[in-house]
Protein backbone atom coordinates (compact mmCIF):
# COMPACT_ATOMS: atom_id res chain seq x y z
CA MET A 1 -15.30 36.83 -20.55
CA THR A 2 -12.56 34.89 -20.67
CA SER A 3 -13.58 31.45 -21.95
CA GLY A 4 -15.71 32.57 -24.89
CA ASN A 5 -12.76 34.30 -26.91
CA THR A 6 -15.27 36.91 -28.57
CA SER A 7 -16.05 40.68 -27.90
CA SER A 8 -19.66 40.25 -26.83
CA ALA A 9 -21.68 37.61 -25.07
CA HIS A 10 -23.66 35.04 -27.43
CA ASN A 11 -27.03 34.32 -27.81
CA ILE A 12 -26.44 30.71 -27.76
CA ALA A 13 -28.65 27.46 -29.61
CA LEU A 14 -27.56 24.14 -27.71
CA PHE A 15 -27.96 20.91 -29.76
CA ILE A 16 -27.38 17.90 -28.27
CA ASP A 17 -26.97 14.21 -29.98
CA MET A 18 -28.18 12.41 -26.67
CA GLU A 19 -27.21 8.71 -27.58
CA ASN A 20 -23.79 9.87 -28.60
CA LEU A 21 -23.45 11.61 -24.94
CA ILE A 22 -25.13 8.52 -23.18
CA ARG A 23 -22.98 6.32 -24.54
CA SER A 24 -19.68 7.99 -24.54
CA ALA A 25 -20.17 8.64 -20.93
CA ILE A 26 -21.05 5.18 -19.84
CA ASP A 27 -18.13 4.13 -21.41
CA ILE A 28 -15.54 6.23 -19.74
CA ALA A 29 -17.37 5.82 -16.40
CA LEU A 30 -18.58 8.98 -16.16
CA PRO A 31 -21.96 10.18 -14.60
CA VAL A 32 -24.21 11.16 -17.24
CA ASP A 33 -25.11 14.72 -16.67
CA LEU A 34 -26.08 18.14 -18.81
CA THR A 35 -25.32 20.45 -15.67
CA PRO A 36 -22.03 20.80 -16.31
CA ILE A 37 -22.32 21.46 -19.54
CA VAL A 38 -24.71 24.14 -19.72
CA ALA A 39 -23.02 26.28 -16.39
CA LYS A 40 -19.81 25.71 -19.04
CA VAL A 41 -21.58 27.03 -22.05
CA LEU A 42 -22.76 29.69 -20.12
CA GLU A 43 -19.82 31.21 -19.81
CA TYR A 44 -20.11 31.98 -23.66
CA GLY A 45 -23.60 33.76 -23.38
CA ARG A 46 -27.05 33.45 -22.99
CA ILE A 47 -28.63 29.91 -23.87
CA SER A 48 -31.95 30.60 -25.55
CA VAL A 49 -32.36 27.08 -27.29
CA ARG A 50 -31.90 23.92 -25.50
CA ARG A 51 -32.96 20.91 -27.57
CA GLY A 52 -31.74 17.23 -27.61
CA PHE A 53 -31.95 14.43 -30.54
CA GLY A 54 -32.02 10.49 -29.55
CA ASP A 55 -33.39 7.38 -28.92
CA LEU A 56 -32.87 7.12 -24.86
CA ASP A 57 -34.31 3.12 -24.94
CA ILE A 58 -31.25 2.51 -27.07
CA ALA A 59 -28.81 4.67 -25.80
CA CYS A 60 -29.57 3.53 -21.91
CA ARG A 61 -28.87 -0.11 -23.28
CA GLY A 62 -32.50 -1.26 -21.49
CA ASP A 63 -31.60 0.27 -18.28
CA TRP A 64 -35.02 1.55 -17.41
CA LYS A 65 -33.75 3.33 -14.14
CA LEU A 66 -30.87 5.25 -15.50
CA ARG A 67 -33.14 6.35 -18.34
CA SER A 68 -35.61 7.72 -15.67
CA GLN A 69 -32.87 9.34 -14.28
CA ILE A 70 -31.79 11.12 -17.69
CA ARG A 71 -35.21 11.98 -18.23
CA ARG A 72 -35.21 13.94 -14.68
CA MET A 73 -31.68 15.40 -15.41
CA ILE A 74 -33.03 16.35 -19.13
CA HIS A 75 -35.80 18.13 -17.82
CA ASP A 76 -34.25 19.85 -14.72
CA ASN A 77 -31.90 21.26 -17.64
CA LEU A 78 -34.43 22.89 -19.51
CA VAL A 79 -33.81 20.91 -22.69
CA GLN A 80 -36.47 19.67 -25.00
CA LEU A 81 -36.11 16.23 -26.25
CA GLU A 82 -36.92 14.86 -29.64
CA ASP A 83 -37.25 11.16 -28.61
CA ILE A 84 -36.05 9.30 -31.86
CA PRO A 85 -36.68 5.37 -32.34
CA TYR A 86 -34.65 3.60 -34.55
CA VAL A 87 -35.87 2.51 -37.79
CA THR A 88 -33.49 -0.60 -37.87
CA ARG A 89 -31.23 -1.86 -35.46
CA TYR A 90 -28.46 0.29 -36.08
CA LYS A 91 -29.85 3.23 -37.34
CA ASN A 92 -32.28 6.21 -36.52
CA THR A 93 -32.40 9.53 -37.95
CA ALA A 94 -31.21 11.49 -34.82
CA ASP A 95 -28.38 13.16 -36.12
CA MET A 96 -30.32 14.23 -39.13
CA ARG A 97 -32.66 16.02 -37.45
CA LEU A 98 -30.56 17.52 -35.05
CA ALA A 99 -28.57 18.92 -38.64
CA VAL A 100 -31.94 20.15 -40.02
CA GLU A 101 -33.10 21.79 -36.77
CA ALA A 102 -29.73 23.54 -36.38
CA LEU A 103 -29.94 25.23 -40.09
CA ALA A 104 -33.63 26.21 -39.57
CA LEU A 105 -32.76 28.25 -36.69
CA ALA A 106 -30.05 29.37 -38.25
CA TYR A 107 -31.90 30.74 -41.07
CA THR A 108 -35.05 31.67 -39.18
CA TYR A 109 -33.20 33.72 -36.04
CA PRO A 110 -29.86 35.62 -36.89
CA ASP A 111 -29.95 36.70 -33.79
CA ILE A 112 -28.70 33.33 -32.70
CA SER A 113 -24.83 33.99 -32.93
CA CYS A 114 -23.77 30.77 -31.80
CA PHE A 115 -24.24 26.90 -31.84
CA ALA A 116 -23.16 24.73 -28.93
CA ILE A 117 -23.20 20.96 -30.17
CA VAL A 118 -22.64 18.04 -27.88
CA ALA A 119 -21.35 15.01 -29.96
CA ALA A 120 -17.89 14.01 -30.92
CA ASP A 121 -19.22 12.37 -34.31
CA ARG A 122 -17.16 13.47 -37.53
CA ASP A 123 -20.48 13.45 -39.45
CA TYR A 124 -21.58 16.84 -37.50
CA VAL A 125 -18.58 18.71 -39.71
CA PRO A 126 -20.70 19.92 -43.06
CA LEU A 127 -23.41 21.16 -40.67
CA ILE A 128 -20.68 22.96 -38.93
CA SER A 129 -19.01 24.31 -41.72
CA LYS A 130 -22.22 25.42 -43.33
CA LEU A 131 -23.13 27.02 -39.79
CA ARG A 132 -19.76 29.41 -39.55
CA GLU A 133 -20.57 30.03 -43.60
CA LEU A 134 -23.63 31.46 -42.48
CA GLY A 135 -21.21 33.39 -39.57
CA ARG A 136 -22.08 31.39 -36.41
CA HIS A 137 -19.63 30.63 -33.79
CA ILE A 138 -19.48 26.86 -33.08
CA ILE A 139 -18.61 25.75 -29.57
CA GLY A 140 -18.13 21.56 -30.25
CA ILE A 141 -18.26 19.36 -26.82
CA GLY A 142 -16.86 16.10 -27.17
CA THR A 143 -16.58 13.10 -24.36
CA SER A 144 -12.47 12.96 -24.40
CA PRO A 145 -9.80 13.68 -26.23
CA ASP A 146 -9.23 10.01 -26.52
CA THR A 147 -12.38 9.49 -28.07
CA VAL A 148 -13.34 12.78 -30.28
CA ASN A 149 -12.14 12.93 -33.71
CA GLU A 150 -9.27 15.22 -34.94
CA ILE A 151 -11.27 16.66 -37.61
CA TYR A 152 -14.36 17.64 -35.35
CA VAL A 153 -12.37 19.45 -33.09
CA LYS A 154 -10.82 21.56 -35.83
CA SER A 155 -13.92 22.43 -37.27
CA CYS A 156 -15.08 24.13 -34.25
CA ASP A 157 -14.04 28.07 -32.94
CA ASN A 158 -13.44 26.43 -29.49
CA PHE A 159 -14.35 22.89 -28.14
CA LEU A 160 -14.42 21.40 -24.70
CA TYR A 161 -14.32 18.09 -23.26
CA TYR A 162 -17.30 16.74 -21.21
CA SER A 163 -14.36 14.58 -19.25
CA SER A 164 -12.83 17.73 -18.20
CA LEU A 165 -15.96 19.29 -16.90
CA PHE A 166 -15.92 17.14 -13.87
CA PRO A 167 -14.04 17.22 -10.52
CA VAL A 168 -10.18 16.09 -10.91
CA ALA A 169 -11.04 13.00 -8.32
CA THR A 170 -14.18 12.00 -10.44
CA GLN A 171 -11.74 11.74 -13.38
CA SER A 172 -8.43 11.23 -12.26
CA HIS A 173 -7.65 7.87 -14.46
CA LEU A 174 -8.54 9.99 -17.49
CA LEU A 175 -6.17 12.76 -16.71
CA ALA A 176 -3.24 10.49 -15.64
CA SER A 177 -3.08 9.51 -19.37
CA GLN A 178 -3.37 13.01 -20.30
CA ALA A 179 -0.74 14.95 -18.68
CA ASP A 180 2.01 13.97 -19.78
CA GLY A 181 5.06 15.35 -21.45
CA THR A 182 4.02 14.72 -24.74
CA ARG A 183 1.13 17.17 -24.26
CA ILE A 184 2.71 19.81 -22.60
CA GLY A 185 5.42 20.17 -25.28
CA GLU A 186 2.59 20.42 -27.65
CA TYR A 187 1.51 23.33 -25.52
CA LEU A 188 4.52 24.91 -25.11
CA GLU A 189 5.10 24.85 -29.21
CA LEU A 190 1.69 26.50 -29.26
CA LEU A 191 2.61 29.03 -27.20
CA CYS A 192 5.43 30.23 -28.57
CA LYS A 193 3.80 30.19 -32.31
CA ALA A 194 1.08 32.10 -30.95
CA ILE A 195 3.66 34.98 -29.43
CA THR A 196 5.24 34.78 -32.89
CA ALA A 197 2.12 35.69 -35.07
CA LEU A 198 1.68 38.54 -32.32
CA ILE A 199 4.42 40.23 -32.70
CA GLN A 200 5.01 39.97 -36.28
CA ARG A 201 1.50 41.70 -37.03
CA GLY A 202 2.66 44.66 -34.48
CA SER A 203 0.53 43.73 -31.20
CA LYS A 204 1.69 43.19 -27.61
CA SER A 205 2.08 39.69 -26.65
CA VAL A 206 0.72 39.70 -23.32
CA GLY A 207 -1.21 37.51 -22.13
CA ALA A 208 -4.70 38.10 -22.40
CA ALA A 209 -3.93 38.41 -26.02
CA ILE A 210 -2.02 34.72 -26.43
CA ALA A 211 -4.55 32.75 -24.36
CA PRO A 212 -7.42 33.80 -27.07
CA LEU A 213 -5.17 33.12 -29.78
CA MET A 214 -3.55 29.77 -28.71
CA ARG A 215 -7.64 28.70 -29.07
CA GLN A 216 -8.00 30.14 -32.01
CA LEU A 217 -5.19 27.59 -33.46
CA LYS A 218 -6.55 24.82 -30.99
CA PRO A 219 -9.64 24.87 -30.31
CA ASP A 220 -9.70 21.92 -27.70
CA PHE A 221 -7.06 23.86 -25.77
CA ASP A 222 -7.16 23.66 -22.35
CA PRO A 223 -3.98 24.04 -19.87
CA LYS A 224 -5.87 21.12 -17.46
CA LEU A 225 -5.18 18.58 -19.95
CA ALA A 226 -1.56 18.96 -19.68
CA GLY A 227 -2.07 18.50 -15.69
CA LEU A 228 -1.85 22.10 -15.28
CA ASN A 229 -4.20 24.52 -13.36
CA SER A 230 -3.99 27.40 -15.92
CA PHE A 231 -2.04 29.71 -18.88
CA ARG A 232 0.14 31.46 -16.21
CA ASP A 233 1.37 27.81 -15.24
CA LEU A 234 1.92 26.96 -19.22
CA VAL A 235 3.45 30.27 -19.48
CA ALA A 236 5.57 29.40 -15.94
CA VAL A 237 6.76 26.04 -17.83
CA ALA A 238 8.15 28.08 -20.51
CA GLU A 239 9.98 30.52 -18.54
CA ASP A 240 11.57 27.59 -16.60
CA ARG A 241 12.40 26.00 -19.64
CA LYS A 242 14.30 29.13 -21.02
CA LEU A 243 11.90 29.76 -24.09
CA VAL A 244 10.26 32.91 -22.75
CA LYS A 245 10.87 36.09 -20.59
CA ILE A 246 7.58 37.52 -18.50
CA SER A 247 7.54 40.74 -16.86
CA PRO A 248 4.34 42.86 -15.54
CA SER A 249 2.15 45.05 -18.41
CA GLY A 250 -0.50 46.88 -16.52
CA GLY A 251 -2.54 44.34 -14.92
CA ASP A 252 -1.60 41.54 -17.10
CA ILE A 253 2.01 40.30 -18.00
CA LEU A 254 4.07 40.83 -21.24
CA ILE A 255 5.68 37.30 -22.40
CA THR A 256 8.34 38.13 -24.92
CA PRO A 257 10.67 35.51 -26.96
CA THR A 258 13.97 34.08 -26.24
CA GLU A 259 16.60 32.22 -28.44
CA GLY A 260 15.03 28.98 -27.09
CA MET A 261 12.10 29.86 -28.54
CA ALA A 262 13.70 30.26 -31.88
CA ALA A 263 15.20 26.91 -31.82
CA LEU A 264 12.07 25.19 -30.74
CA LEU A 265 10.32 26.88 -33.76
CA GLU A 266 13.00 25.70 -36.29
CA ASN A 267 12.60 22.15 -35.19
CA ALA A 268 9.02 22.05 -35.15
CA GLY A 269 7.59 19.87 -37.65
CA LYS A 270 10.82 17.84 -38.41
CA PRO A 271 10.62 13.57 -37.98
CA GLU A 272 11.77 13.52 -34.35
CA ILE A 273 15.20 11.80 -33.87
CA PHE A 274 15.13 8.69 -31.28
CA ASP A 275 17.77 8.75 -28.69
CA PRO A 276 18.72 5.38 -27.36
CA LYS A 277 19.39 6.91 -23.92
CA ASP A 278 16.26 8.66 -23.64
CA LEU A 279 13.86 5.90 -23.51
CA SER A 280 11.15 7.79 -21.64
CA LYS A 281 10.81 9.93 -24.30
CA THR A 282 10.28 7.19 -27.21
CA LYS A 283 8.36 5.65 -25.04
CA LEU A 284 6.05 8.31 -25.04
CA MET A 285 6.29 8.71 -28.58
CA TYR A 286 5.01 4.97 -29.32
CA LEU A 287 2.22 5.27 -27.17
CA ASP A 288 1.03 8.59 -28.02
CA PHE A 289 1.12 7.25 -31.72
CA ILE A 290 -0.63 3.64 -30.90
CA GLN A 291 -3.45 5.55 -28.67
CA GLU A 292 -3.62 8.11 -31.51
CA LYS A 293 -4.57 5.41 -33.76
CA LEU A 294 -6.91 3.82 -31.54
CA LYS A 295 -8.47 6.86 -30.88
CA CYS A 296 -9.00 5.38 -27.15
CA GLN A 297 -6.95 4.26 -24.36
CA LEU A 298 -4.35 1.46 -24.72
CA PRO A 299 -6.13 -1.61 -22.69
CA THR A 300 -3.67 -2.93 -19.58
CA THR A 301 -2.43 -6.51 -19.93
CA THR A 302 -5.38 -7.52 -17.28
CA GLN A 303 -7.97 -5.69 -18.95
CA ARG A 304 -7.46 -7.38 -22.52
CA GLN A 305 -7.06 -10.77 -20.78
CA LYS A 306 -10.31 -10.18 -19.66
CA ILE A 307 -11.67 -9.00 -22.87
CA TYR A 308 -10.37 -12.13 -24.27
CA ASP A 309 -11.86 -14.12 -21.96
CA LEU A 310 -15.27 -12.87 -22.49
CA ALA A 311 -15.58 -12.49 -25.97
CA LYS A 312 -14.15 -16.25 -26.36
CA THR A 313 -17.15 -17.03 -23.96
CA LYS A 314 -19.77 -15.05 -25.95
CA ILE A 315 -18.41 -16.05 -29.42
CA GLU A 316 -18.94 -19.17 -28.41
CA ALA A 317 -22.41 -19.30 -27.26
CA LYS A 318 -23.26 -17.74 -29.95
CA THR A 319 -22.12 -20.28 -32.74
CA GLN A 320 -25.29 -21.90 -33.31
CA PRO A 321 -27.16 -21.76 -36.37
CA GLY A 322 -28.60 -18.01 -36.78
CA ASN A 323 -26.81 -16.65 -33.86
CA ILE A 324 -24.16 -14.24 -35.56
CA THR A 325 -23.38 -11.49 -33.52
CA ASP A 326 -21.55 -8.08 -34.71
CA LEU A 327 -18.75 -6.55 -32.97
CA ALA A 328 -19.84 -3.76 -32.12
CA SER A 329 -23.16 -5.73 -29.84
CA LEU A 330 -20.32 -8.08 -28.54
CA SER A 331 -18.34 -5.20 -27.71
CA GLU A 332 -21.25 -3.48 -25.86
CA GLU A 333 -22.19 -6.64 -23.89
CA ILE A 334 -18.81 -6.94 -22.63
CA ALA A 335 -18.62 -3.29 -21.31
CA ARG A 336 -21.61 -4.13 -19.59
CA GLU A 337 -20.54 -7.30 -18.20
CA THR A 338 -16.85 -5.41 -16.93
CA LEU A 339 -18.70 -2.68 -15.68
CA ALA A 340 -21.30 -5.01 -13.32
CA GLY A 341 -18.47 -6.69 -12.28
CA GLY A 342 -16.84 -3.82 -11.28
CA HIS A 343 -13.55 -3.65 -13.38
CA GLN A 344 -14.87 -1.48 -15.94
CA ILE A 345 -13.34 -1.53 -19.66
CA PRO A 346 -14.59 1.20 -21.61
CA GLN A 347 -16.63 0.15 -24.74
CA PRO A 348 -14.49 1.84 -27.75
CA SER A 349 -11.30 -0.08 -26.29
CA ILE A 350 -13.01 -3.33 -26.23
CA PHE A 351 -13.73 -2.94 -29.41
CA LYS A 352 -10.54 -1.70 -31.07
CA VAL A 353 -9.15 -4.92 -29.49
CA LEU A 354 -11.73 -7.17 -30.83
CA TYR A 355 -11.17 -5.29 -34.49
CA GLY A 356 -7.30 -5.62 -34.14
CA LEU A 357 -8.07 -9.24 -33.78
CA PHE A 358 -10.54 -9.46 -36.89
CA ARG A 359 -7.99 -7.85 -39.05
CA MET A 360 -5.34 -10.68 -38.10
CA GLY A 361 -7.60 -13.08 -39.07
CA THR A 362 -8.82 -14.54 -35.31
CA PHE A 363 -12.62 -14.97 -36.41
CA GLU A 364 -14.70 -16.39 -39.13
CA ALA A 365 -16.81 -13.19 -40.18
CA GLU A 366 -18.36 -11.20 -42.76
CA MET A 367 -18.76 -7.43 -43.37
CA GLY A 368 -22.02 -6.24 -41.75
CA GLU A 369 -24.26 -3.59 -42.46
CA LEU A 370 -21.96 -0.91 -41.43
CA PRO A 371 -18.39 -0.32 -42.22
CA TYR A 372 -15.93 -1.26 -39.97
CA ASN A 373 -18.40 -3.82 -38.01
CA PRO A 374 -18.41 -7.30 -38.92
CA ARG A 375 -20.40 -9.85 -37.79
CA ILE A 376 -18.81 -12.99 -36.29
CA ARG A 377 -19.74 -17.01 -36.96
CA SER A 378 -17.02 -18.44 -35.02
CA ILE A 379 -13.43 -18.60 -33.53
CA LYS A 380 -10.55 -19.63 -36.22
CA VAL A 381 -7.46 -18.79 -34.04
CA PRO A 382 -7.23 -20.32 -30.34
CA SER A 383 -7.96 -17.84 -27.65
CA GLU A 384 -3.95 -17.88 -26.56
CA LYS A 385 -2.61 -16.24 -29.47
CA TRP A 386 -5.01 -13.37 -29.43
CA ASP A 387 -2.55 -11.15 -27.30
CA TYR A 388 0.41 -12.09 -29.78
CA LEU A 389 -2.12 -11.09 -32.62
CA PHE A 390 -3.36 -7.77 -30.91
CA LEU A 391 0.60 -6.92 -30.46
CA LYS A 392 1.24 -7.72 -33.92
CA ASN A 393 -1.70 -5.39 -35.47
CA CYS A 394 -0.55 -2.82 -32.94
CA LEU A 395 3.09 -3.27 -34.38
CA LEU A 396 2.24 -3.53 -37.97
CA VAL A 397 0.73 -0.37 -38.05
CA LEU A 398 3.23 1.22 -36.06
CA ARG A 399 6.03 0.09 -38.61
CA ARG A 400 4.02 0.81 -41.46
CA GLU A 401 3.00 4.54 -40.92
CA ARG A 402 5.90 5.63 -39.25
CA HIS A 403 8.66 4.02 -41.28
CA ASP A 404 11.34 6.92 -40.29
CA TRP A 405 11.04 5.83 -36.61
CA ARG A 406 13.53 3.04 -35.03
CA LEU A 407 11.53 0.49 -32.65
CA TYR A 408 12.80 -0.29 -29.52
CA GLU A 409 11.91 -3.55 -28.22
CA GLY A 410 12.26 -2.30 -24.22
CA PRO A 411 9.99 0.90 -24.60
CA LEU A 412 7.48 -1.23 -26.51
CA ALA A 413 7.78 -4.15 -24.12
CA GLU A 414 6.87 -1.59 -21.37
CA ILE A 415 3.83 -0.10 -23.04
CA PHE A 416 2.37 -3.69 -23.65
CA SER A 417 3.56 -4.86 -20.71
CA VAL A 418 4.86 -8.01 -21.99
CA SER A 419 8.65 -9.54 -22.49
CA ALA A 420 11.32 -7.68 -24.50
CA THR A 421 11.90 -11.30 -26.28
CA GLU A 422 8.20 -11.41 -27.80
CA ILE A 423 8.62 -7.65 -29.18
CA ARG A 424 11.60 -8.47 -30.65
CA PHE A 425 10.21 -12.15 -32.53
CA ILE A 426 7.10 -10.44 -33.60
CA LEU A 427 9.48 -7.29 -34.92
CA ASP A 428 11.34 -9.78 -36.96
CA GLU A 429 8.51 -11.90 -38.21
CA LEU A 430 6.99 -8.47 -39.65
CA GLU A 431 10.65 -7.76 -41.03
CA LYS A 432 10.78 -11.20 -42.77
CA SER A 433 7.47 -10.88 -44.20
CA GLU A 434 8.16 -7.47 -45.99
């Protein structure tokens, strides 16, 4: 078995946070379908238990046709659904029910050796930690690298991305942002560390041993996320860059280190030194940091303007007494409208843009029932200044958290698709305010 990183097939319990799956799939414009998830999990063993939890009405945002399709899809994949209604507008007990049922199953049926959990919420980390204490293997399934919390990924033994289970044609817009030099560089470093670890323990550094170790070190390791078709392709890139040498070893390949690998590992973890002549690398580093902080793709200039226009219209329509709207609901309304208009913008991207504006004092607002979800009363700053404030918020975070980096207006202007003069003005303003 090539995928599971285990010596024998598991007896698996599949638990699905249906609300998380449905909303996340809709937000990144992918079908809501358990079929590819079930097919992938079956590579690890036999699925004995299949359970889903959540309120389908809320998750489908009132779309009864979508709800009907999802109920049929759940039935066809033999998943037992526990449809849990919301107690309040913001909360139900689906995640608690999932955790309780998973632990009860772990204690009642010791022959269940593996739990596959479909979610992207770090709230499940305590459950995963307890299951691992009980000796269970954990397969995490999240939406995409841009939306899943890193702690959740690290807590699992193996991690799969829902977005990677679909044909390239279906998810080309996702792969375009993921298949970059930054991720390839990360995977090459991971490859070198795995080879070194095997050699230090006296084992042969063959492909069959290296690939599982890389997944152990990084549960979501997947060459496809770096634009490569397979592990062999990654090794070929390493050989081209003179990091390793490859030679046949039975039906496998022996991968041995070179001086180039030693140099790469020696510099691993050291602060990046920016070379003004290598602005393409500088741009990737800026973009990677900003999207990591946003936990989603950076919206384009056109998308940002669409968000501003719709947000302004909707907030102004709700400024009558008693018509306060929270940021999450507002971003969901805008996401639905962009989808209906054929210009799909993921809801997480909309929310992060609006939350950045909130941080910059754009709205008259008050804190809501949940953290990070303020309630918007009215607009304080004209919408013509919103993009400037969004950029200023991004650059403020970049400047504060990466004070060891020098910020060049050229690459930053390319990332945000604005003029270098505007970026320079914002950077000067931030410097004066310190």
